[in-house]
Amino acid sequence: MGLWSPALFASDLACDIRADYGILLAMGKTDQEAEDMMIQYHRDLFHTNTPDEQEFWIALAVCEWKRGRLSQQVKTIALHYLEQGWDLPLGIFLAGKKIIANAKRLWKN
């Protein structure tokens, strides 16, 4: 994982997720199609219990949420990782505390 600052979208993975998700929507994919394609493309990250797996779900959730398209599936998984205490480097966690607190508050409903 390439990381250049302690922000949520300051890693190669998170930036790729944001860019790819936006491109899929711009191509006319539905919310569900774009989500399914993102999940399929990044499937090798799943069930690895690594920071990359956690980052994928949280970054995808933020991307969907900012566009008003947060699915129940992505929301549930991202909240699971947020509740566990997102296992990313300390700098990212500290810089993202506000985002994490807001996400927990907003996504709980």
N, C-alpha and C. Protein backbone atom coordinates (compact mmCIF):
# COMPACT_ATOMS: atom_id res chain seq x y z
N MET A 1 0.86 -1.17 0.00
CA MET A 1 0.00 0.00 0.00
C MET A 1 0.90 1.23 0.00
N GLY A 2 0.76 2.07 -1.04
CA GLY A 2 1.48 3.33 -1.07
C GLY A 2 0.71 4.36 -0.27
N LEU A 3 1.40 5.03 0.62
CA LEU A 3 0.76 6.00 1.51
C LEU A 3 1.60 7.26 1.54
N TRP A 4 0.97 8.42 1.32
CA TRP A 4 1.76 9.64 1.30
C TRP A 4 1.31 10.70 2.29
N SER A 5 0.25 10.48 3.03
CA SER A 5 -0.14 11.37 4.12
C SER A 5 -1.15 10.65 5.01
N PRO A 6 -1.41 11.17 6.19
CA PRO A 6 -2.33 10.50 7.10
C PRO A 6 -3.80 10.88 6.86
N ALA A 7 -4.26 10.78 5.63
CA ALA A 7 -5.65 11.08 5.31
C ALA A 7 -6.30 9.83 4.74
N LEU A 8 -7.61 9.78 4.79
CA LEU A 8 -8.32 8.59 4.33
C LEU A 8 -7.98 8.25 2.88
N PHE A 9 -8.00 9.25 2.01
CA PHE A 9 -7.71 8.99 0.60
C PHE A 9 -6.28 9.36 0.23
N ALA A 10 -5.35 9.01 1.08
CA ALA A 10 -3.93 9.28 0.84
C ALA A 10 -3.16 7.98 0.68
N SER A 11 -3.80 7.00 0.10
CA SER A 11 -3.11 5.75 -0.22
C SER A 11 -3.48 5.37 -1.64
N ASP A 12 -2.64 4.57 -2.25
CA ASP A 12 -2.91 4.13 -3.62
C ASP A 12 -4.25 3.40 -3.69
N LEU A 13 -4.50 2.52 -2.74
CA LEU A 13 -5.72 1.72 -2.76
C LEU A 13 -6.97 2.60 -2.66
N ALA A 14 -7.02 3.48 -1.68
CA ALA A 14 -8.20 4.33 -1.50
C ALA A 14 -8.41 5.25 -2.71
N CYS A 15 -7.34 5.80 -3.24
CA CYS A 15 -7.46 6.66 -4.42
C CYS A 15 -7.95 5.88 -5.63
N ASP A 16 -7.46 4.65 -5.78
CA ASP A 16 -7.93 3.81 -6.88
C ASP A 16 -9.42 3.50 -6.73
N ILE A 17 -9.85 3.23 -5.51
CA ILE A 17 -11.26 2.93 -5.27
C ILE A 17 -12.12 4.15 -5.63
N ARG A 18 -11.72 5.30 -5.16
CA ARG A 18 -12.48 6.53 -5.45
C ARG A 18 -12.53 6.79 -6.96
N ALA A 19 -11.40 6.69 -7.62
CA ALA A 19 -11.36 6.96 -9.06
C ALA A 19 -12.16 5.93 -9.84
N ASP A 20 -11.94 4.66 -9.55
CA ASP A 20 -12.62 3.60 -10.30
C ASP A 20 -14.13 3.63 -10.10
N TYR A 21 -14.56 3.87 -8.88
CA TYR A 21 -15.99 3.94 -8.60
C TYR A 21 -16.62 5.11 -9.36
N GLY A 22 -15.96 6.24 -9.36
CA GLY A 22 -16.46 7.40 -10.10
C GLY A 22 -16.52 7.15 -11.59
N ILE A 23 -15.52 6.48 -12.12
CA ILE A 23 -15.50 6.17 -13.56
C ILE A 23 -16.65 5.23 -13.92
N LEU A 24 -16.88 4.22 -13.09
CA LEU A 24 -17.97 3.28 -13.37
C LEU A 24 -19.32 3.99 -13.40
N LEU A 25 -19.53 4.89 -12.46
CA LEU A 25 -20.79 5.65 -12.46
C LEU A 25 -20.88 6.57 -13.68
N ALA A 26 -19.76 7.20 -14.03
CA ALA A 26 -19.75 8.09 -15.20
C ALA A 26 -20.01 7.32 -16.49
N MET A 27 -19.66 6.04 -16.50
CA MET A 27 -19.91 5.19 -17.67
C MET A 27 -21.37 4.76 -17.75
N GLY A 28 -22.15 5.11 -16.73
CA GLY A 28 -23.57 4.77 -16.77
C GLY A 28 -23.94 3.52 -16.00
N LYS A 29 -23.00 2.97 -15.25
CA LYS A 29 -23.31 1.79 -14.44
C LYS A 29 -24.27 2.19 -13.33
N THR A 30 -25.16 1.28 -12.98
CA THR A 30 -26.06 1.54 -11.85
C THR A 30 -25.26 1.45 -10.56
N ASP A 31 -25.87 1.90 -9.48
CA ASP A 31 -25.21 1.80 -8.17
C ASP A 31 -24.78 0.37 -7.90
N GLN A 32 -25.70 -0.56 -8.10
CA GLN A 32 -25.42 -1.97 -7.81
C GLN A 32 -24.35 -2.54 -8.74
N GLU A 33 -24.41 -2.19 -10.01
CA GLU A 33 -23.40 -2.68 -10.96
C GLU A 33 -22.02 -2.17 -10.58
N ALA A 34 -21.92 -0.89 -10.27
CA ALA A 34 -20.62 -0.31 -9.90
C ALA A 34 -20.08 -0.97 -8.64
N GLU A 35 -20.94 -1.14 -7.65
CA GLU A 35 -20.52 -1.80 -6.41
C GLU A 35 -20.08 -3.23 -6.67
N ASP A 36 -20.86 -3.96 -7.43
CA ASP A 36 -20.50 -5.36 -7.73
C ASP A 36 -19.18 -5.45 -8.47
N MET A 37 -18.95 -4.55 -9.40
CA MET A 37 -17.69 -4.56 -10.15
C MET A 37 -16.51 -4.24 -9.25
N MET A 38 -16.69 -3.28 -8.34
CA MET A 38 -15.62 -2.94 -7.39
C MET A 38 -15.30 -4.14 -6.50
N ILE A 39 -16.32 -4.78 -5.99
CA ILE A 39 -16.13 -5.94 -5.12
C ILE A 39 -15.45 -7.07 -5.88
N GLN A 40 -15.91 -7.33 -7.09
CA GLN A 40 -15.32 -8.41 -7.90
C GLN A 40 -13.85 -8.13 -8.19
N TYR A 41 -13.53 -6.90 -8.56
CA TYR A 41 -12.16 -6.55 -8.90
C TYR A 41 -11.21 -6.67 -7.70
N HIS A 42 -11.68 -6.34 -6.53
CA HIS A 42 -10.84 -6.35 -5.33
C HIS A 42 -11.04 -7.60 -4.46
N ARG A 43 -11.65 -8.63 -5.01
CA ARG A 43 -11.98 -9.83 -4.23
C ARG A 43 -10.78 -10.50 -3.57
N ASP A 44 -9.60 -10.31 -4.12
CA ASP A 44 -8.40 -10.93 -3.54
C ASP A 44 -8.06 -10.35 -2.16
N LEU A 45 -8.63 -9.18 -1.84
CA LEU A 45 -8.38 -8.57 -0.53
C LEU A 45 -9.23 -9.20 0.57
N PHE A 46 -10.32 -9.84 0.18
CA PHE A 46 -11.30 -10.29 1.16
C PHE A 46 -10.84 -11.54 1.90
N HIS A 47 -11.26 -11.62 3.14
CA HIS A 47 -10.95 -12.73 4.03
C HIS A 47 -9.45 -12.84 4.31
N THR A 48 -8.77 -11.70 4.25
CA THR A 48 -7.34 -11.67 4.54
C THR A 48 -7.06 -11.06 5.90
N ASN A 49 -8.08 -10.37 6.46
CA ASN A 49 -7.94 -9.69 7.75
C ASN A 49 -6.71 -8.78 7.78
N THR A 50 -6.57 -8.02 6.70
CA THR A 50 -5.46 -7.07 6.59
C THR A 50 -5.99 -5.64 6.55
N PRO A 51 -5.13 -4.68 6.78
CA PRO A 51 -5.56 -3.28 6.65
C PRO A 51 -6.11 -2.96 5.26
N ASP A 52 -5.61 -3.61 4.21
CA ASP A 52 -6.12 -3.35 2.86
C ASP A 52 -7.58 -3.75 2.74
N GLU A 53 -7.95 -4.87 3.33
CA GLU A 53 -9.35 -5.31 3.29
C GLU A 53 -10.24 -4.29 3.99
N GLN A 54 -9.81 -3.85 5.15
CA GLN A 54 -10.57 -2.86 5.90
C GLN A 54 -10.65 -1.54 5.14
N GLU A 55 -9.54 -1.12 4.58
CA GLU A 55 -9.49 0.14 3.84
C GLU A 55 -10.42 0.10 2.63
N PHE A 56 -10.47 -1.04 1.96
CA PHE A 56 -11.36 -1.17 0.81
C PHE A 56 -12.80 -0.85 1.19
N TRP A 57 -13.29 -1.52 2.24
CA TRP A 57 -14.70 -1.36 2.61
C TRP A 57 -14.99 0.06 3.11
N ILE A 58 -14.08 0.62 3.87
CA ILE A 58 -14.32 1.96 4.41
C ILE A 58 -14.24 3.00 3.29
N ALA A 59 -13.27 2.87 2.41
CA ALA A 59 -13.15 3.81 1.29
C ALA A 59 -14.36 3.71 0.36
N LEU A 60 -14.79 2.48 0.06
CA LEU A 60 -15.95 2.31 -0.80
C LEU A 60 -17.20 2.89 -0.14
N ALA A 61 -17.33 2.68 1.15
CA ALA A 61 -18.48 3.23 1.87
C ALA A 61 -18.49 4.76 1.82
N VAL A 62 -17.34 5.37 2.01
CA VAL A 62 -17.28 6.83 1.95
C VAL A 62 -17.61 7.33 0.54
N CYS A 63 -17.08 6.64 -0.47
CA CYS A 63 -17.38 7.03 -1.86
C CYS A 63 -18.87 6.94 -2.15
N GLU A 64 -19.47 5.83 -1.75
CA GLU A 64 -20.91 5.67 -1.98
C GLU A 64 -21.71 6.69 -1.19
N TRP A 65 -21.35 6.88 0.06
CA TRP A 65 -22.08 7.79 0.93
C TRP A 65 -22.04 9.22 0.41
N LYS A 66 -20.87 9.66 -0.03
CA LYS A 66 -20.74 11.03 -0.54
C LYS A 66 -21.59 11.27 -1.78
N ARG A 67 -21.95 10.20 -2.47
CA ARG A 67 -22.79 10.32 -3.67
C ARG A 67 -24.26 9.97 -3.36
N GLY A 68 -24.55 9.73 -2.09
CA GLY A 68 -25.92 9.38 -1.71
C GLY A 68 -26.33 7.99 -2.16
N ARG A 69 -25.37 7.07 -2.27
CA ARG A 69 -25.63 5.74 -2.82
C ARG A 69 -25.15 4.62 -1.89
N LEU A 70 -25.01 4.87 -0.62
CA LEU A 70 -24.46 3.88 0.31
C LEU A 70 -25.40 2.69 0.45
N SER A 71 -24.93 1.53 0.03
CA SER A 71 -25.76 0.31 0.12
C SER A 71 -25.70 -0.26 1.53
N GLN A 72 -26.70 -1.03 1.85
CA GLN A 72 -26.75 -1.66 3.17
C GLN A 72 -25.58 -2.62 3.37
N GLN A 73 -25.22 -3.36 2.34
CA GLN A 73 -24.11 -4.32 2.44
C GLN A 73 -22.80 -3.62 2.77
N VAL A 74 -22.46 -2.60 2.01
CA VAL A 74 -21.19 -1.89 2.22
C VAL A 74 -21.22 -1.16 3.56
N LYS A 75 -22.34 -0.57 3.89
CA LYS A 75 -22.50 0.12 5.17
C LYS A 75 -22.26 -0.83 6.34
N THR A 76 -22.87 -2.01 6.29
CA THR A 76 -22.74 -2.98 7.38
C THR A 76 -21.29 -3.43 7.56
N ILE A 77 -20.62 -3.72 6.46
CA ILE A 77 -19.24 -4.20 6.55
C ILE A 77 -18.31 -3.07 7.03
N ALA A 78 -18.48 -1.87 6.48
CA ALA A 78 -17.64 -0.74 6.89
C ALA A 78 -17.85 -0.42 8.37
N LEU A 79 -19.09 -0.42 8.83
CA LEU A 79 -19.35 -0.17 10.25
C LEU A 79 -18.73 -1.25 11.13
N HIS A 80 -18.74 -2.48 10.65
CA HIS A 80 -18.10 -3.57 11.39
C HIS A 80 -16.63 -3.25 11.64
N TYR A 81 -15.93 -2.81 10.59
CA TYR A 81 -14.52 -2.48 10.74
C TYR A 81 -14.32 -1.24 11.60
N LEU A 82 -15.19 -0.26 11.46
CA LEU A 82 -15.08 0.94 12.29
C LEU A 82 -15.30 0.60 13.76
N GLU A 83 -16.24 -0.28 14.04
CA GLU A 83 -16.50 -0.70 15.42
C GLU A 83 -15.32 -1.47 16.00
N GLN A 84 -14.63 -2.23 15.15
CA GLN A 84 -13.47 -3.00 15.60
C GLN A 84 -12.27 -2.12 15.90
N GLY A 85 -12.25 -0.93 15.34
CA GLY A 85 -11.11 -0.04 15.55
C GLY A 85 -10.15 -0.08 14.39
N TRP A 86 -10.64 0.01 13.22
CA TRP A 86 -9.90 0.14 11.96
C TRP A 86 -8.40 -0.03 12.12
N ASP A 87 -7.87 -1.13 11.71
CA ASP A 87 -6.47 -1.51 11.91
C ASP A 87 -5.57 -0.96 10.81
N LEU A 88 -5.44 0.35 10.78
CA LEU A 88 -4.53 0.99 9.84
C LEU A 88 -3.44 1.70 10.62
N PRO A 89 -2.39 2.14 9.95
CA PRO A 89 -1.33 2.86 10.65
C PRO A 89 -1.89 4.00 11.50
N LEU A 90 -1.26 4.26 12.61
CA LEU A 90 -1.74 5.24 13.58
C LEU A 90 -1.99 6.61 12.97
N GLY A 91 -1.14 7.06 12.09
CA GLY A 91 -1.31 8.38 11.48
C GLY A 91 -2.61 8.49 10.72
N ILE A 92 -2.96 7.46 9.97
CA ILE A 92 -4.23 7.48 9.22
C ILE A 92 -5.39 7.47 10.20
N PHE A 93 -5.28 6.63 11.21
CA PHE A 93 -6.37 6.54 12.18
C PHE A 93 -6.60 7.87 12.87
N LEU A 94 -5.54 8.51 13.32
CA LEU A 94 -5.69 9.78 14.03
C LEU A 94 -6.25 10.87 13.11
N ALA A 95 -5.75 10.94 11.89
CA ALA A 95 -6.23 11.95 10.95
C ALA A 95 -7.66 11.68 10.54
N GLY A 96 -8.04 10.43 10.52
CA GLY A 96 -9.38 10.07 10.10
C GLY A 96 -10.38 9.95 11.23
N LYS A 97 -9.99 10.31 12.46
CA LYS A 97 -10.90 10.16 13.60
C LYS A 97 -12.21 10.93 13.39
N LYS A 98 -12.13 12.11 12.83
CA LYS A 98 -13.34 12.90 12.60
C LYS A 98 -14.23 12.21 11.58
N ILE A 99 -13.64 11.74 10.51
CA ILE A 99 -14.40 11.02 9.49
C ILE A 99 -15.03 9.78 10.08
N ILE A 100 -14.25 9.05 10.87
CA ILE A 100 -14.75 7.82 11.47
C ILE A 100 -15.90 8.11 12.43
N ALA A 101 -15.74 9.12 13.26
CA ALA A 101 -16.80 9.48 14.22
C ALA A 101 -18.07 9.90 13.48
N ASN A 102 -17.92 10.70 12.43
CA ASN A 102 -19.08 11.12 11.65
C ASN A 102 -19.73 9.95 10.93
N ALA A 103 -18.92 9.07 10.38
CA ALA A 103 -19.46 7.91 9.68
C ALA A 103 -20.25 7.03 10.64
N LYS A 104 -19.70 6.76 11.80
CA LYS A 104 -20.42 5.94 12.78
C LYS A 104 -21.76 6.58 13.12
N ARG A 105 -21.74 7.88 13.33
CA ARG A 105 -22.97 8.60 13.71
C ARG A 105 -23.98 8.60 12.57
N LEU A 106 -23.54 8.90 11.37
CA LEU A 106 -24.46 9.02 10.23
C LEU A 106 -24.92 7.68 9.69
N TRP A 107 -24.03 6.71 9.66
CA TRP A 107 -24.37 5.42 9.05
C TRP A 107 -25.16 4.51 9.97
N LYS A 108 -25.22 4.82 11.25
CA LYS A 108 -25.96 3.97 12.20
C LYS A 108 -27.45 3.96 11.89
N ASN A 109 -27.94 5.01 11.27
CA ASN A 109 -29.39 5.11 11.00
C ASN A 109 -29.81 4.33 9.79
